[in-house]
Amino acid sequence: MTKSQALWTSEGDINAPLLYKGKVRELYDLGGEYLFVVTDRLSAHDHIFQPPIPKKGSVLNRLSQFWFGKTGHLRDNHFIHADVEKLVEKGVLDAARSDLYRDRVTVGRKAERIDIECVVRGHLTGGGWRQYKKNGAVCGIMLTDGMRKNQKLSEPLFTPASKNDVGHDEDISFDETVNRVGRSTAEELREASILLYEYARGFCEEKGVILADCKLEFGRIDGELVLIDECFTPDSSRFWAKEHFELDVEIDSMDKEPVRQFLLAEEALTGQMPEVLPPDVVNATTERYLKIFRRITGHKTPANFSDIG
């Protein structure tokens, strides 16, 4: 698959210093602003697979923009614009390459990132369920006895993690969060995270989607706490279709589930992690990302965005 079909990396195309290359996103310094480029790379089990997933980056970027617009009345965010033409005008991007980057770029205000991954859990599932089975608690928060896998919690839990640029983020207690960032900031993070989660959960419910949990990131601009990075995407949140919800089962998430199932099957068969994803898995994963985008947004996007479908 060529770079024109799916974006593996933006290196060499952007006329600005590259500050950070993450698993999916690449961050550039535009002087007074940051440029975020969202690639089609897919990461699972701390491994980035080939080929990239077509349109994945577009979905992540546009869905974040959608939520930044929806939640701005609750908490300010870093978003400025997503206009490729402006980047061409400033000489940041060559006009001949601009179509490849349409829908994949976000220009944001520079924020001082707070190195806490703000996790909010609305259902007892995933790693939270595994912890509960061991000791009846999730990240040190004791829950009632007799709860079941996937059960909705009586109230959302704020379960922060340390933000690690390499490897997995590490669950930490709220007290440890206080030690790291101070009580005032820790409480502000908790309040903002739960407020945003509850708003997004309610919005998703109207679309027939359950927002089971999410991860959010924050930074400070002129002392104000603002939402940064991405927001309620399939890479940072667990979405379930309401019609597929059940207790005590592994629910098929609306994200890279086809890749997970393929990897499980291959490891069981060969005992090894495959290097390349087959075309049917790639295509199925693209369709998952498109489906959750359409379901949440109704495919209503600003007129300057190209057609994602």
C-alpha atoms as a PDB file:
ATOM      1  CA  MET A   1       0.000   0.000   0.000  1.00  0.00           C
ATOM      2  CA  THR A   2       1.459   3.343  -1.020  1.00  0.00           C
ATOM      3  CA  LYS A   3       1.562   6.502   1.025  1.00  0.00           C
ATOM      4  CA  SER A   4      -1.080   7.994  -1.290  1.00  0.00           C
ATOM      5  CA  GLN A   5      -3.541   5.259  -0.294  1.00  0.00           C
ATOM      6  CA  ALA A   6      -3.027   5.447   3.468  1.00  0.00           C
ATOM      7  CA  LEU A   7      -0.838   7.686   5.588  1.00  0.00           C
ATOM      8  CA  TRP A   8       1.939   5.796   7.361  1.00  0.00           C
ATOM      9  CA  THR A   9       3.970   8.846   8.367  1.00  0.00           C
ATOM     10  CA  SER A  10       4.060  12.563   7.662  1.00  0.00           C
ATOM     11  CA  GLU A  11       7.851  12.816   7.936  1.00  0.00           C
ATOM     12  CA  GLY A  12       9.292  14.556   4.899  1.00  0.00           C
ATOM     13  CA  ASP A  13       6.019  16.275   4.003  1.00  0.00           C
ATOM     14  CA  ILE A  14       5.736  18.844   6.796  1.00  0.00           C
ATOM     15  CA  ASN A  15       7.972  21.914   6.726  1.00  0.00           C
ATOM     16  CA  ALA A  16       8.225  22.312  10.503  1.00  0.00           C
ATOM     17  CA  PRO A  17      10.204  20.699  13.342  1.00  0.00           C
ATOM     18  CA  LEU A  18       8.915  17.262  14.367  1.00  0.00           C
ATOM     19  CA  LEU A  19       8.578  17.286  18.158  1.00  0.00           C
ATOM     20  CA  TYR A  20       7.057  13.888  18.828  1.00  0.00           C
ATOM     21  CA  LYS A  21       6.151  10.734  16.939  1.00  0.00           C
ATOM     22  CA  GLY A  22       3.616   8.608  18.788  1.00  0.00           C
ATOM     23  CA  LYS A  23       1.982   5.334  17.889  1.00  0.00           C
ATOM     24  CA  VAL A  24      -0.580   7.129  15.717  1.00  0.00           C
ATOM     25  CA  ARG A  25      -0.063  10.908  16.010  1.00  0.00           C
ATOM     26  CA  GLU A  26       2.843  13.106  14.978  1.00  0.00           C
ATOM     27  CA  LEU A  27       3.353  16.529  16.544  1.00  0.00           C
ATOM     28  CA  TYR A  28       5.022  19.501  14.851  1.00  0.00           C
ATOM     29  CA  ASP A  29       6.029  22.907  16.161  1.00  0.00           C
ATOM     30  CA  LEU A  30       4.549  25.794  14.159  1.00  0.00           C
ATOM     31  CA  GLY A  31       6.012  28.441  16.435  1.00  0.00           C
ATOM     32  CA  GLY A  32       3.009  29.761  18.337  1.00  0.00           C
ATOM     33  CA  GLU A  33       0.915  26.660  17.650  1.00  0.00           C
ATOM     34  CA  TYR A  34       1.156  22.879  17.401  1.00  0.00           C
ATOM     35  CA  LEU A  35       0.287  20.832  14.326  1.00  0.00           C
ATOM     36  CA  PHE A  36      -1.136  17.366  14.971  1.00  0.00           C
ATOM     37  CA  VAL A  37      -1.074  14.886  12.082  1.00  0.00           C
ATOM     38  CA  VAL A  38      -3.142  11.733  12.605  1.00  0.00           C
ATOM     39  CA  THR A  39      -1.808   8.799  10.590  1.00  0.00           C
ATOM     40  CA  ASP A  40      -3.493   5.519   9.660  1.00  0.00           C
ATOM     41  CA  ARG A  41      -1.079   3.477  11.774  1.00  0.00           C
ATOM     42  CA  LEU A  42      -2.639   0.828  13.983  1.00  0.00           C
ATOM     43  CA  SER A  43      -1.070  -0.219  17.268  1.00  0.00           C
ATOM     44  CA  ALA A  44      -1.942  -3.316  19.286  1.00  0.00           C
ATOM     45  CA  HIS A  45       0.057  -5.203  21.921  1.00  0.00           C
ATOM     46  CA  ASP A  46       2.723  -2.463  21.745  1.00  0.00           C
ATOM     47  CA  HIS A  47       3.297  -3.262  18.073  1.00  0.00           C
ATOM     48  CA  ILE A  48       2.543  -1.149  15.002  1.00  0.00           C
ATOM     49  CA  PHE A  49       1.228  -3.312  12.187  1.00  0.00           C
ATOM     50  CA  GLN A  50       1.501  -3.095   8.438  1.00  0.00           C
ATOM     51  CA  PRO A  51      -0.327  -2.094   6.359  1.00  0.00           C
ATOM     52  CA  PRO A  52      -1.937   1.063   7.802  1.00  0.00           C
ATOM     53  CA  ILE A  53      -5.738   1.152   8.050  1.00  0.00           C
ATOM     54  CA  PRO A  54      -7.179   3.416   5.318  1.00  0.00           C
ATOM     55  CA  LYS A  55      -9.273   6.349   6.628  1.00  0.00           C
ATOM     56  CA  LYS A  56      -8.540   5.501  10.277  1.00  0.00           C
ATOM     57  CA  GLY A  57      -6.629   8.741  10.811  1.00  0.00           C
ATOM     58  CA  SER A  58      -9.390  10.757   9.175  1.00  0.00           C
ATOM     59  CA  VAL A  59     -12.001   9.217  11.469  1.00  0.00           C
ATOM     60  CA  LEU A  60      -9.951   9.838  14.613  1.00  0.00           C
ATOM     61  CA  ASN A  61      -9.172  13.425  13.682  1.00  0.00           C
ATOM     62  CA  ARG A  62     -12.657  14.382  12.554  1.00  0.00           C
ATOM     63  CA  LEU A  63     -14.355  12.666  15.477  1.00  0.00           C
ATOM     64  CA  SER A  64     -12.119  14.563  17.898  1.00  0.00           C
ATOM     65  CA  GLN A  65     -13.028  17.818  16.138  1.00  0.00           C
ATOM     66  CA  PHE A  66     -16.709  16.883  16.438  1.00  0.00           C
ATOM     67  CA  TRP A  67     -16.403  16.336  20.186  1.00  0.00           C
ATOM     68  CA  PHE A  68     -14.270  19.445  20.744  1.00  0.00           C
ATOM     69  CA  GLY A  69     -17.141  21.395  19.231  1.00  0.00           C
ATOM     70  CA  LYS A  70     -19.778  19.574  21.248  1.00  0.00           C
ATOM     71  CA  THR A  71     -18.029  19.858  24.610  1.00  0.00           C
ATOM     72  CA  GLY A  72     -16.526  23.338  24.382  1.00  0.00           C
ATOM     73  CA  HIS A  73     -19.243  24.743  26.640  1.00  0.00           C
ATOM     74  CA  LEU A  74     -18.172  22.327  29.372  1.00  0.00           C
ATOM     75  CA  ARG A  75     -14.385  22.649  29.117  1.00  0.00           C
ATOM     76  CA  ASP A  76     -12.239  24.707  26.773  1.00  0.00           C
ATOM     77  CA  ASN A  77      -9.885  22.818  24.451  1.00  0.00           C
ATOM     78  CA  HIS A  78      -6.818  23.398  22.310  1.00  0.00           C
ATOM     79  CA  PHE A  79      -8.517  23.234  18.870  1.00  0.00           C
ATOM     80  CA  ILE A  80      -7.919  26.162  16.483  1.00  0.00           C
ATOM     81  CA  HIS A  81      -8.597  24.834  12.983  1.00  0.00           C
ATOM     82  CA  ALA A  82      -8.244  21.874  10.634  1.00  0.00           C
ATOM     83  CA  ASP A  83      -7.752  23.770   7.382  1.00  0.00           C
ATOM     84  CA  VAL A  84      -5.199  22.213   5.033  1.00  0.00           C
ATOM     85  CA  GLU A  85      -5.285  25.253   2.758  1.00  0.00           C
ATOM     86  CA  LYS A  86      -4.022  27.474   5.574  1.00  0.00           C
ATOM     87  CA  LEU A  87      -1.062  25.145   6.031  1.00  0.00           C
ATOM     88  CA  VAL A  88      -0.328  25.336   2.311  1.00  0.00           C
ATOM     89  CA  GLU A  89      -0.524  29.142   2.398  1.00  0.00           C
ATOM     90  CA  LYS A  90       1.976  29.254   5.268  1.00  0.00           C
ATOM     91  CA  GLY A  91       4.363  26.930   3.447  1.00  0.00           C
ATOM     92  CA  VAL A  92       3.985  24.176   6.035  1.00  0.00           C
ATOM     93  CA  LEU A  93       2.606  21.718   3.467  1.00  0.00           C
ATOM     94  CA  ASP A  94       3.110  21.419  -0.277  1.00  0.00           C
ATOM     95  CA  ALA A  95      -0.065  21.938  -2.307  1.00  0.00           C
ATOM     96  CA  ALA A  96       0.645  18.778  -4.296  1.00  0.00           C
ATOM     97  CA  ARG A  97       0.401  16.711  -1.083  1.00  0.00           C
ATOM     98  CA  SER A  98      -2.508  18.543   0.503  1.00  0.00           C
ATOM     99  CA  ASP A  99      -5.227  16.064  -0.470  1.00  0.00           C
ATOM    100  CA  LEU A 100      -3.458  13.326   1.483  1.00  0.00           C
ATOM    101  CA  TYR A 101      -3.654  15.464   4.629  1.00  0.00           C
ATOM    102  CA  ARG A 102      -7.207  16.687   4.282  1.00  0.00           C
ATOM    103  CA  ASP A 103      -9.153  15.624   7.419  1.00  0.00           C
ATOM    104  CA  ARG A 104      -5.941  14.392   9.094  1.00  0.00           C
ATOM    105  CA  VAL A 105      -4.570  17.642  10.555  1.00  0.00           C
ATOM    106  CA  THR A 106      -5.422  19.731  13.583  1.00  0.00           C
ATOM    107  CA  VAL A 107      -3.764  22.995  14.534  1.00  0.00           C
ATOM    108  CA  GLY A 108      -4.007  23.562  18.254  1.00  0.00           C
ATOM    109  CA  ARG A 109      -2.934  26.028  20.892  1.00  0.00           C
ATOM    110  CA  LYS A 110       0.209  25.119  22.775  1.00  0.00           C
ATOM    111  CA  ALA A 111      -0.582  23.685  26.171  1.00  0.00           C
ATOM    112  CA  GLU A 112       1.630  22.484  28.986  1.00  0.00           C
ATOM    113  CA  ARG A 113       0.575  18.841  29.134  1.00  0.00           C
ATOM    114  CA  ILE A 114      -0.336  17.315  32.489  1.00  0.00           C
ATOM    115  CA  ASP A 115       1.207  13.849  32.541  1.00  0.00           C
ATOM    116  CA  ILE A 116      -1.875  12.084  33.856  1.00  0.00           C
ATOM    117  CA  GLU A 117      -4.069   9.844  31.714  1.00  0.00           C
ATOM    118  CA  CYS A 118      -7.591  10.656  32.870  1.00  0.00           C
ATOM    119  CA  VAL A 119      -9.573   7.415  32.671  1.00  0.00           C
ATOM    120  CA  VAL A 120     -13.295   7.362  33.404  1.00  0.00           C
ATOM    121  CA  ARG A 121     -15.091   4.026  33.706  1.00  0.00           C
ATOM    122  CA  GLY A 122     -18.860   3.778  33.403  1.00  0.00           C
ATOM    123  CA  HIS A 123     -19.050  -0.016  33.160  1.00  0.00           C
ATOM    124  CA  LEU A 124     -17.169  -2.807  34.908  1.00  0.00           C
ATOM    125  CA  THR A 125     -15.235  -4.305  32.020  1.00  0.00           C
ATOM    126  CA  GLY A 126     -11.734  -4.790  30.617  1.00  0.00           C
ATOM    127  CA  GLY A 127      -8.921  -4.247  33.066  1.00  0.00           C
ATOM    128  CA  GLY A 128     -11.363  -2.944  35.671  1.00  0.00           C
ATOM    129  CA  TRP A 129     -13.247  -6.234  35.628  1.00  0.00           C
ATOM    130  CA  ARG A 130     -10.003  -8.219  35.972  1.00  0.00           C
ATOM    131  CA  GLN A 131      -9.030  -6.139  39.009  1.00  0.00           C
ATOM    132  CA  TYR A 132     -12.472  -6.528  40.568  1.00  0.00           C
ATOM    133  CA  LYS A 133     -12.338 -10.322  40.246  1.00  0.00           C
ATOM    134  CA  LYS A 134      -9.029 -10.324  42.141  1.00  0.00           C
ATOM    135  CA  ASN A 135      -9.798  -8.042  45.068  1.00  0.00           C
ATOM    136  CA  GLY A 136     -13.247  -6.475  44.702  1.00  0.00           C
ATOM    137  CA  ALA A 137     -11.773  -3.093  43.773  1.00  0.00           C
ATOM    138  CA  VAL A 138     -10.874  -1.069  40.684  1.00  0.00           C
ATOM    139  CA  CYS A 139      -7.688   0.984  41.012  1.00  0.00           C
ATOM    140  CA  GLY A 140      -8.066   0.864  44.793  1.00  0.00           C
ATOM    141  CA  ILE A 141     -11.750   1.883  44.782  1.00  0.00           C
ATOM    142  CA  MET A 142     -13.805  -0.784  46.564  1.00  0.00           C
ATOM    143  CA  LEU A 143     -17.025  -1.854  44.854  1.00  0.00           C
ATOM    144  CA  THR A 144     -20.004  -3.811  46.127  1.00  0.00           C
ATOM    145  CA  ASP A 145     -19.929  -7.618  46.088  1.00  0.00           C
ATOM    146  CA  GLY A 146     -21.643  -9.631  43.404  1.00  0.00           C
ATOM    147  CA  MET A 147     -21.137  -7.296  40.460  1.00  0.00           C
ATOM    148  CA  ARG A 148     -21.078  -8.791  36.969  1.00  0.00           C
ATOM    149  CA  LYS A 149     -18.885  -8.264  33.945  1.00  0.00           C
ATOM    150  CA  ASN A 150     -20.002  -5.256  31.834  1.00  0.00           C
ATOM    151  CA  GLN A 151     -22.418  -4.064  34.545  1.00  0.00           C
ATOM    152  CA  LYS A 152     -23.083  -0.336  34.578  1.00  0.00           C
ATOM    153  CA  LEU A 153     -21.553   1.313  37.631  1.00  0.00           C
ATOM    154  CA  SER A 154     -23.780   3.308  39.955  1.00  0.00           C
ATOM    155  CA  GLU A 155     -21.593   6.320  39.186  1.00  0.00           C
ATOM    156  CA  PRO A 156     -18.579   6.786  36.896  1.00  0.00           C
ATOM    157  CA  LEU A 157     -15.181   6.041  38.399  1.00  0.00           C
ATOM    158  CA  PHE A 158     -12.170   8.299  37.855  1.00  0.00           C
ATOM    159  CA  THR A 159      -9.194   5.933  37.686  1.00  0.00           C
ATOM    160  CA  PRO A 160      -6.104   7.902  36.569  1.00  0.00           C
ATOM    161  CA  ALA A 161      -2.922   6.499  35.114  1.00  0.00           C
ATOM    162  CA  SER A 162       0.580   7.834  34.677  1.00  0.00           C
ATOM    163  CA  LYS A 163       1.168   9.111  31.152  1.00  0.00           C
ATOM    164  CA  ASN A 164       4.037   7.179  29.561  1.00  0.00           C
ATOM    165  CA  ASP A 165       5.205   8.054  26.049  1.00  0.00           C
ATOM    166  CA  VAL A 166       6.884   4.643  25.795  1.00  0.00           C
ATOM    167  CA  GLY A 167       5.104   1.424  26.781  1.00  0.00           C
ATOM    168  CA  HIS A 168       1.875   1.117  28.715  1.00  0.00           C
ATOM    169  CA  ASP A 169       0.369   3.758  30.954  1.00  0.00           C
ATOM    170  CA  GLU A 170       0.359   2.654  34.602  1.00  0.00           C
ATOM    171  CA  ASP A 171      -2.699   2.810  36.853  1.00  0.00           C
ATOM    172  CA  ILE A 172      -2.199   5.029  39.875  1.00  0.00           C
ATOM    173  CA  SER A 173      -4.438   5.903  42.815  1.00  0.00           C
ATOM    174  CA  PHE A 174      -6.081   9.277  43.263  1.00  0.00           C
ATOM    175  CA  ASP A 175      -3.769   9.878  46.225  1.00  0.00           C
ATOM    176  CA  GLU A 176      -0.767   9.243  43.992  1.00  0.00           C
ATOM    177  CA  THR A 177      -2.234  11.676  41.457  1.00  0.00           C
ATOM    178  CA  VAL A 178      -2.404  14.258  44.245  1.00  0.00           C
ATOM    179  CA  ASN A 179       1.258  13.568  45.060  1.00  0.00           C
ATOM    180  CA  ARG A 180       2.242  14.132  41.442  1.00  0.00           C
ATOM    181  CA  VAL A 181       0.200  17.180  40.446  1.00  0.00           C
ATOM    182  CA  GLY A 182      -1.217  18.585  43.693  1.00  0.00           C
ATOM    183  CA  ARG A 183      -4.682  18.240  45.213  1.00  0.00           C
ATOM    184  CA  SER A 184      -6.236  21.188  43.415  1.00  0.00           C
ATOM    185  CA  THR A 185      -5.184  19.967  39.959  1.00  0.00           C
ATOM    186  CA  ALA A 186      -6.090  16.342  40.765  1.00  0.00           C
ATOM    187  CA  GLU A 187      -9.585  17.346  41.823  1.00  0.00           C
ATOM    188  CA  GLU A 188      -9.943  19.604  38.789  1.00  0.00           C
ATOM    189  CA  LEU A 189      -8.928  16.726  36.519  1.00  0.00           C
ATOM    190  CA  ARG A 190     -11.420  14.381  38.166  1.00  0.00           C
ATOM    191  CA  GLU A 191     -14.285  16.875  37.971  1.00  0.00           C
ATOM    192  CA  ALA A 192     -13.612  17.803  34.334  1.00  0.00           C
ATOM    193  CA  SER A 193     -13.163  14.186  33.234  1.00  0.00           C
ATOM    194  CA  ILE A 194     -16.386  12.940  34.796  1.00  0.00           C
ATOM    195  CA  LEU A 195     -18.349  15.937  33.525  1.00  0.00           C
ATOM    196  CA  LEU A 196     -17.149  15.372  29.959  1.00  0.00           C
ATOM    197  CA  TYR A 197     -17.709  11.616  30.154  1.00  0.00           C
ATOM    198  CA  GLU A 198     -21.266  11.983  31.422  1.00  0.00           C
ATOM    199  CA  TYR A 199     -22.095  14.445  28.647  1.00  0.00           C
ATOM    200  CA  ALA A 200     -20.611  12.192  25.940  1.00  0.00           C
ATOM    201  CA  ARG A 201     -22.271   9.094  27.394  1.00  0.00           C
ATOM    202  CA  GLY A 202     -25.659  10.756  27.269  1.00  0.00           C
ATOM    203  CA  PHE A 203     -25.086  11.929  23.706  1.00  0.00           C
ATOM    204  CA  CYS A 204     -24.000   8.455  22.611  1.00  0.00           C
ATOM    205  CA  GLU A 205     -27.014   6.811  24.236  1.00  0.00           C
ATOM    206  CA  GLU A 206     -29.262   8.861  21.971  1.00  0.00           C
ATOM    207  CA  LYS A 207     -27.379   7.323  19.025  1.00  0.00           C
ATOM    208  CA  GLY A 208     -27.782   3.770  20.279  1.00  0.00           C
ATOM    209  CA  VAL A 209     -24.171   3.589  21.475  1.00  0.00           C
ATOM    210  CA  ILE A 210     -22.855   2.814  24.962  1.00  0.00           C
ATOM    211  CA  LEU A 211     -19.713   4.722  25.982  1.00  0.00           C
ATOM    212  CA  ALA A 212     -18.313   2.175  28.428  1.00  0.00           C
ATOM    213  CA  ASP A 213     -15.131   4.063  29.335  1.00  0.00           C
ATOM    214  CA  CYS A 214     -12.721   6.656  27.987  1.00  0.00           C
ATOM    215  CA  LYS A 215      -9.298   8.248  28.333  1.00  0.00           C
ATOM    216  CA  LEU A 216      -8.835  12.014  28.249  1.00  0.00           C
ATOM    217  CA  GLU A 217      -5.813  14.303  28.396  1.00  0.00           C
ATOM    218  CA  PHE A 218      -5.511  17.837  29.693  1.00  0.00           C
ATOM    219  CA  GLY A 219      -3.007  20.640  29.724  1.00  0.00           C
ATOM    220  CA  ARG A 220      -2.804  24.236  30.874  1.00  0.00           C
ATOM    221  CA  ILE A 221      -2.866  27.366  28.744  1.00  0.00           C
ATOM    222  CA  ASP A 222      -2.279  30.577  30.691  1.00  0.00           C
ATOM    223  CA  GLY A 223      -3.156  28.647  33.840  1.00  0.00           C
ATOM    224  CA  GLU A 224      -6.497  27.360  32.515  1.00  0.00           C
ATOM    225  CA  LEU A 225      -7.162  23.609  32.350  1.00  0.00           C
ATOM    226  CA  VAL A 226      -7.994  22.665  28.750  1.00  0.00           C
ATOM    227  CA  LEU A 227      -8.810  19.431  26.930  1.00  0.00           C
ATOM    228  CA  ILE A 228      -6.064  18.372  24.482  1.00  0.00           C
ATOM    229  CA  ASP A 229      -4.969  15.585  22.131  1.00  0.00           C
ATOM    230  CA  GLU A 230      -7.984  13.458  21.055  1.00  0.00           C
ATOM    231  CA  CYS A 231     -11.482  13.205  22.408  1.00  0.00           C
ATOM    232  CA  PHE A 232     -13.948  10.253  22.519  1.00  0.00           C
ATOM    233  CA  THR A 233     -12.504   8.336  19.576  1.00  0.00           C
ATOM    234  CA  PRO A 234     -12.377   4.552  19.038  1.00  0.00           C
ATOM    235  CA  ASP A 235      -8.680   4.669  20.004  1.00  0.00           C
ATOM    236  CA  SER A 236      -9.335   6.414  23.325  1.00  0.00           C
ATOM    237  CA  SER A 237     -12.790   5.094  24.269  1.00  0.00           C
ATOM    238  CA  ARG A 238     -14.701   1.823  24.434  1.00  0.00           C
ATOM    239  CA  PHE A 239     -17.906   1.968  22.389  1.00  0.00           C
ATOM    240  CA  TRP A 240     -20.555  -0.753  22.378  1.00  0.00           C
ATOM    241  CA  ALA A 241     -23.619  -0.938  20.168  1.00  0.00           C
ATOM    242  CA  LYS A 242     -26.663  -1.006  22.463  1.00  0.00           C
ATOM    243  CA  GLU A 243     -28.128  -3.942  20.570  1.00  0.00           C
ATOM    244  CA  HIS A 244     -25.047  -6.043  21.377  1.00  0.00           C
ATOM    245  CA  PHE A 245     -24.909  -5.309  25.101  1.00  0.00           C
ATOM    246  CA  GLU A 246     -24.902  -8.339  27.422  1.00  0.00           C
ATOM    247  CA  LEU A 247     -23.629  -9.153  30.867  1.00  0.00           C
ATOM    248  CA  ASP A 248     -20.946 -11.767  31.492  1.00  0.00           C
ATOM    249  CA  VAL A 249     -19.626 -11.870  27.907  1.00  0.00           C
ATOM    250  CA  GLU A 250     -16.878 -10.245  25.868  1.00  0.00           C
ATOM    251  CA  ILE A 251     -18.736  -7.534  23.949  1.00  0.00           C
ATOM    252  CA  ASP A 252     -17.592  -6.783  20.414  1.00  0.00           C
ATOM    253  CA  SER A 253     -16.229  -3.241  20.640  1.00  0.00           C
ATOM    254  CA  MET A 254     -16.732  -0.737  17.813  1.00  0.00           C
ATOM    255  CA  ASP A 255     -13.034  -0.225  17.096  1.00  0.00           C
ATOM    256  CA  LYS A 256     -10.109  -2.454  16.059  1.00  0.00           C
ATOM    257  CA  GLU A 257     -11.852  -5.641  17.187  1.00  0.00           C
ATOM    258  CA  PRO A 258     -11.193  -7.440  13.850  1.00  0.00           C
ATOM    259  CA  VAL A 259      -7.459  -7.015  14.476  1.00  0.00           C
ATOM    260  CA  ARG A 260      -7.734  -8.325  18.041  1.00  0.00           C
ATOM    261  CA  GLN A 261      -9.605 -11.425  16.899  1.00  0.00           C
ATOM    262  CA  PHE A 262      -7.132 -12.069  14.089  1.00  0.00           C
ATOM    263  CA  LEU A 263      -4.165 -11.769  16.455  1.00  0.00           C
ATOM    264  CA  LEU A 264      -5.740 -14.097  18.997  1.00  0.00           C
ATOM    265  CA  ALA A 265      -6.417 -16.699  16.308  1.00  0.00           C
ATOM    266  CA  GLU A 266      -2.927 -16.426  14.812  1.00  0.00           C
ATOM    267  CA  GLU A 267      -1.181 -16.651  18.180  1.00  0.00           C
ATOM    268  CA  ALA A 268      -3.262 -19.695  19.096  1.00  0.00           C
ATOM    269  CA  LEU A 269      -2.395 -21.310  15.765  1.00  0.00           C
ATOM    270  CA  THR A 270       1.270 -20.391  15.391  1.00  0.00           C
ATOM    271  CA  GLY A 271       2.350 -19.064  18.771  1.00  0.00           C
ATOM    272  CA  GLN A 272       3.751 -15.975  17.068  1.00  0.00           C
ATOM    273  CA  MET A 273       2.698 -12.386  16.503  1.00  0.00           C
ATOM    274  CA  PRO A 274       2.094 -11.831  12.767  1.00  0.00           C
ATOM    275  CA  GLU A 275       3.832  -8.880  11.129  1.00  0.00           C
ATOM    276  CA  VAL A 276       1.259  -8.148   8.417  1.00  0.00           C
ATOM    277  CA  LEU A 277      -2.527  -7.836   8.552  1.00  0.00           C
ATOM    278  CA  PRO A 278      -4.453  -9.571   5.744  1.00  0.00           C
ATOM    279  CA  PRO A 279      -6.649  -7.464   3.422  1.00  0.00           C
ATOM    280  CA  ASP A 280      -9.948  -8.724   4.866  1.00  0.00           C
ATOM    281  CA  VAL A 281      -8.912  -7.693   8.390  1.00  0.00           C
ATOM    282  CA  VAL A 282      -7.724  -4.283   7.163  1.00  0.00           C
ATOM    283  CA  ASN A 283     -10.984  -3.667   5.281  1.00  0.00           C
ATOM    284  CA  ALA A 284     -13.130  -4.830   8.209  1.00  0.00           C
ATOM    285  CA  THR A 285     -11.242  -2.515  10.568  1.00  0.00           C
ATOM    286  CA  THR A 286     -11.690   0.474   8.263  1.00  0.00           C
ATOM    287  CA  GLU A 287     -15.417  -0.211   8.188  1.00  0.00           C
ATOM    288  CA  ARG A 288     -15.551  -0.354  12.005  1.00  0.00           C
ATOM    289  CA  TYR A 289     -14.027   3.105  12.289  1.00  0.00           C
ATOM    290  CA  LEU A 290     -16.331   4.511   9.627  1.00  0.00           C
ATOM    291  CA  LYS A 291     -19.364   2.938  11.280  1.00  0.00           C
ATOM    292  CA  ILE A 292     -18.802   4.478  14.706  1.00  0.00           C
ATOM    293  CA  PHE A 293     -18.088   7.860  13.096  1.00  0.00           C
ATOM    294  CA  ARG A 294     -21.323   7.792  11.124  1.00  0.00           C
ATOM    295  CA  ARG A 295     -23.362   6.488  14.029  1.00  0.00           C
ATOM    296  CA  ILE A 296     -22.222   9.159  16.466  1.00  0.00           C
ATOM    297  CA  THR A 297     -22.128  12.141  14.128  1.00  0.00           C
ATOM    298  CA  GLY A 298     -24.853  11.266  11.656  1.00  0.00           C
ATOM    299  CA  HIS A 299     -22.147  12.081   9.045  1.00  0.00           C
ATOM    300  CA  LYS A 300     -22.930  15.749   9.501  1.00  0.00           C
ATOM    301  CA  THR A 301     -19.651  17.584   9.137  1.00  0.00           C
ATOM    302  CA  PRO A 302     -18.556  21.065   8.053  1.00  0.00           C
ATOM    303  CA  ALA A 303     -18.793  21.611   4.300  1.00  0.00           C
ATOM    304  CA  ASN A 304     -15.034  22.022   3.878  1.00  0.00           C
ATOM    305  CA  PHE A 305     -14.414  18.418   4.896  1.00  0.00           C
ATOM    306  CA  SER A 306     -14.109  15.846   2.116  1.00  0.00           C
ATOM    307  CA  ASP A 307     -16.444  12.859   2.045  1.00  0.00           C
ATOM    308  CA  ILE A 308     -15.190  10.180   4.407  1.00  0.00           C
ATOM    309  CA  GLY A 309     -17.310   7.354   3.097  1.00  0.00           C
END
